[in-house]
């Protein structure tokens, strides 16, 4: 469980660091007119952006739950292997 949380925190910190570097790089460049993102505007107007966020959160939570269950299974197998080696 600790390994999963450590990896998760590492990935989160890494992506946050990348975003900060990108933000600093954008701040030092000249200002260019940003293109309009029509799809995002339409999703926001129709209220469907919340559906997109809900789906992304559902997938993320599902992946985290899968990793936790996988970690538990591997932990049980490791404990079983250790017991088998000790009892020989």
C-alpha atoms as a PDB file:
ATOM      1  CA  UNK A   1       0.000   0.000   0.000  1.00  0.00           C
ATOM      2  CA  UNK A   2       2.828   2.348   0.900  1.00  0.00           C
ATOM      3  CA  UNK A   3       4.539   1.644  -2.426  1.00  0.00           C
ATOM      4  CA  UNK A   4       1.419   2.605  -4.361  1.00  0.00           C
ATOM      5  CA  UNK A   5       1.039   5.844  -2.439  1.00  0.00           C
ATOM      6  CA  UNK A   6       4.734   6.626  -2.907  1.00  0.00           C
ATOM      7  CA  UNK A   7       4.508   6.056  -6.664  1.00  0.00           C
ATOM      8  CA  UNK A   8       1.297   8.062  -6.834  1.00  0.00           C
ATOM      9  CA  UNK A   9       2.858  11.000  -4.962  1.00  0.00           C
ATOM     10  CA  UNK A  10       5.938  10.817  -7.181  1.00  0.00           C
ATOM     11  CA  UNK A  11       3.815  10.956 -10.331  1.00  0.00           C
ATOM     12  CA  UNK A  12       1.748  13.828  -8.930  1.00  0.00           C
ATOM     13  CA  UNK A  13       4.822  15.845  -7.940  1.00  0.00           C
ATOM     14  CA  UNK A  14       6.483  15.145 -11.273  1.00  0.00           C
ATOM     15  CA  UNK A  15       3.501  16.365 -13.264  1.00  0.00           C
ATOM     16  CA  UNK A  16       3.171  19.425 -11.024  1.00  0.00           C
ATOM     17  CA  UNK A  17       6.846  20.225 -11.622  1.00  0.00           C
ATOM     18  CA  UNK A  18       6.414  19.872 -15.371  1.00  0.00           C
ATOM     19  CA  UNK A  19       3.429  22.205 -15.294  1.00  0.00           C
ATOM     20  CA  UNK A  20       5.410  24.815 -13.357  1.00  0.00           C
ATOM     21  CA  UNK A  21       8.272  24.645 -15.842  1.00  0.00           C
ATOM     22  CA  UNK A  22       5.858  25.031 -18.720  1.00  0.00           C
ATOM     23  CA  UNK A  23       4.180  27.981 -16.986  1.00  0.00           C
ATOM     24  CA  UNK A  24       7.557  29.673 -16.478  1.00  0.00           C
ATOM     25  CA  UNK A  25       8.499  29.046 -20.112  1.00  0.00           C
ATOM     26  CA  UNK A  26       5.225  30.565 -21.268  1.00  0.00           C
ATOM     27  CA  UNK A  27       5.735  33.597 -19.050  1.00  0.00           C
ATOM     28  CA  UNK A  28       9.134  34.333 -20.604  1.00  0.00           C
ATOM     29  CA  UNK A  29       7.960  34.049 -24.203  1.00  0.00           C
ATOM     30  CA  UNK A  30       6.211  36.832 -26.064  1.00  0.00           C
ATOM     31  CA  UNK A  31       2.462  37.014 -25.809  1.00  0.00           C
ATOM     32  CA  UNK A  32       0.749  35.396 -28.771  1.00  0.00           C
ATOM     33  CA  UNK A  33      -2.998  35.405 -29.278  1.00  0.00           C
ATOM     34  CA  UNK A  34      -4.334  32.098 -28.031  1.00  0.00           C
ATOM     35  CA  UNK A  35      -6.649  30.247 -30.364  1.00  0.00           C
ATOM     36  CA  UNK A  36     -10.188  29.739 -29.195  1.00  0.00           C
ATOM     37  CA  UNK A  37     -10.966  26.212 -28.069  1.00  0.00           C
ATOM     38  CA  UNK A  38     -14.446  25.769 -29.424  1.00  0.00           C
ATOM     39  CA  UNK A  39     -15.004  22.271 -28.083  1.00  0.00           C
ATOM     40  CA  UNK A  40     -14.262  23.305 -24.493  1.00  0.00           C
ATOM     41  CA  UNK A  41     -16.534  26.322 -24.796  1.00  0.00           C
ATOM     42  CA  UNK A  42     -19.369  24.205 -26.175  1.00  0.00           C
ATOM     43  CA  UNK A  43     -18.936  21.587 -23.434  1.00  0.00           C
ATOM     44  CA  UNK A  44     -18.929  24.315 -20.803  1.00  0.00           C
ATOM     45  CA  UNK A  45     -22.046  25.971 -22.224  1.00  0.00           C
ATOM     46  CA  UNK A  46     -23.961  22.706 -22.473  1.00  0.00           C
ATOM     47  CA  UNK A  47     -22.867  21.610 -19.011  1.00  0.00           C
ATOM     48  CA  UNK A  48     -21.282  18.467 -20.426  1.00  0.00           C
ATOM     49  CA  UNK A  49     -17.861  19.360 -19.043  1.00  0.00           C
ATOM     50  CA  UNK A  50     -19.075  17.896 -15.753  1.00  0.00           C
ATOM     51  CA  UNK A  51     -19.755  14.601 -17.508  1.00  0.00           C
ATOM     52  CA  UNK A  52     -16.201  14.596 -18.845  1.00  0.00           C
ATOM     53  CA  UNK A  53     -14.807  15.344 -15.390  1.00  0.00           C
ATOM     54  CA  UNK A  54     -16.989  12.623 -13.839  1.00  0.00           C
ATOM     55  CA  UNK A  55     -15.791  10.041 -16.369  1.00  0.00           C
ATOM     56  CA  UNK A  56     -12.153  10.993 -15.819  1.00  0.00           C
ATOM     57  CA  UNK A  57     -12.552  10.777 -12.048  1.00  0.00           C
ATOM     58  CA  UNK A  58     -14.310   7.407 -12.362  1.00  0.00           C
ATOM     59  CA  UNK A  59     -11.477   6.023 -14.471  1.00  0.00           C
ATOM     60  CA  UNK A  60      -8.868   7.419 -12.076  1.00  0.00           C
ATOM     61  CA  UNK A  61     -10.606   5.985  -9.000  1.00  0.00           C
ATOM     62  CA  UNK A  62     -11.006   2.636 -10.771  1.00  0.00           C
ATOM     63  CA  UNK A  63      -7.311   2.532 -11.594  1.00  0.00           C
ATOM     64  CA  UNK A  64      -6.366   3.374  -8.011  1.00  0.00           C
ATOM     65  CA  UNK A  65      -8.684   0.694  -6.620  1.00  0.00           C
ATOM     66  CA  UNK A  66      -7.261  -1.837  -9.071  1.00  0.00           C
ATOM     67  CA  UNK A  67      -3.713  -0.986  -8.025  1.00  0.00           C
ATOM     68  CA  UNK A  68      -4.622  -1.329  -4.353  1.00  0.00           C
ATOM     69  CA  UNK A  69      -6.227  -4.741  -4.913  1.00  0.00           C
ATOM     70  CA  UNK A  70      -3.258  -5.837  -7.006  1.00  0.00           C
ATOM     71  CA  UNK A  71      -0.866  -4.725  -4.264  1.00  0.00           C
ATOM     72  CA  UNK A  72      -2.815  -6.728  -1.688  1.00  0.00           C
ATOM     73  CA  UNK A  73      -2.730  -9.836  -3.862  1.00  0.00           C
ATOM     74  CA  UNK A  74       1.009  -9.498  -4.433  1.00  0.00           C
ATOM     75  CA  UNK A  75       1.517  -8.951  -0.699  1.00  0.00           C
ATOM     76  CA  UNK A  76      -0.392 -12.146   0.079  1.00  0.00           C
ATOM     77  CA  UNK A  77       1.658 -14.075  -2.469  1.00  0.00           C
ATOM     78  CA  UNK A  78       4.889 -12.692  -1.020  1.00  0.00           C
ATOM     79  CA  UNK A  79       3.818 -13.667   2.492  1.00  0.00           C
ATOM     80  CA  UNK A  80       2.839 -17.142   1.294  1.00  0.00           C
ATOM     81  CA  UNK A  81       6.181 -17.579  -0.474  1.00  0.00           C
ATOM     82  CA  UNK A  82       8.044 -16.396   2.601  1.00  0.00           C
ATOM     83  CA  UNK A  83       6.103 -18.865   4.806  1.00  0.00           C
ATOM     84  CA  UNK A  84       6.795 -21.698   2.369  1.00  0.00           C
ATOM     85  CA  UNK A  85      10.509 -20.934   2.384  1.00  0.00           C
ATOM     86  CA  UNK A  86      10.640 -20.714   6.191  1.00  0.00           C
ATOM     87  CA  UNK A  87       8.708 -23.956   6.707  1.00  0.00           C
ATOM     88  CA  UNK A  88      11.024 -26.037   4.510  1.00  0.00           C
END
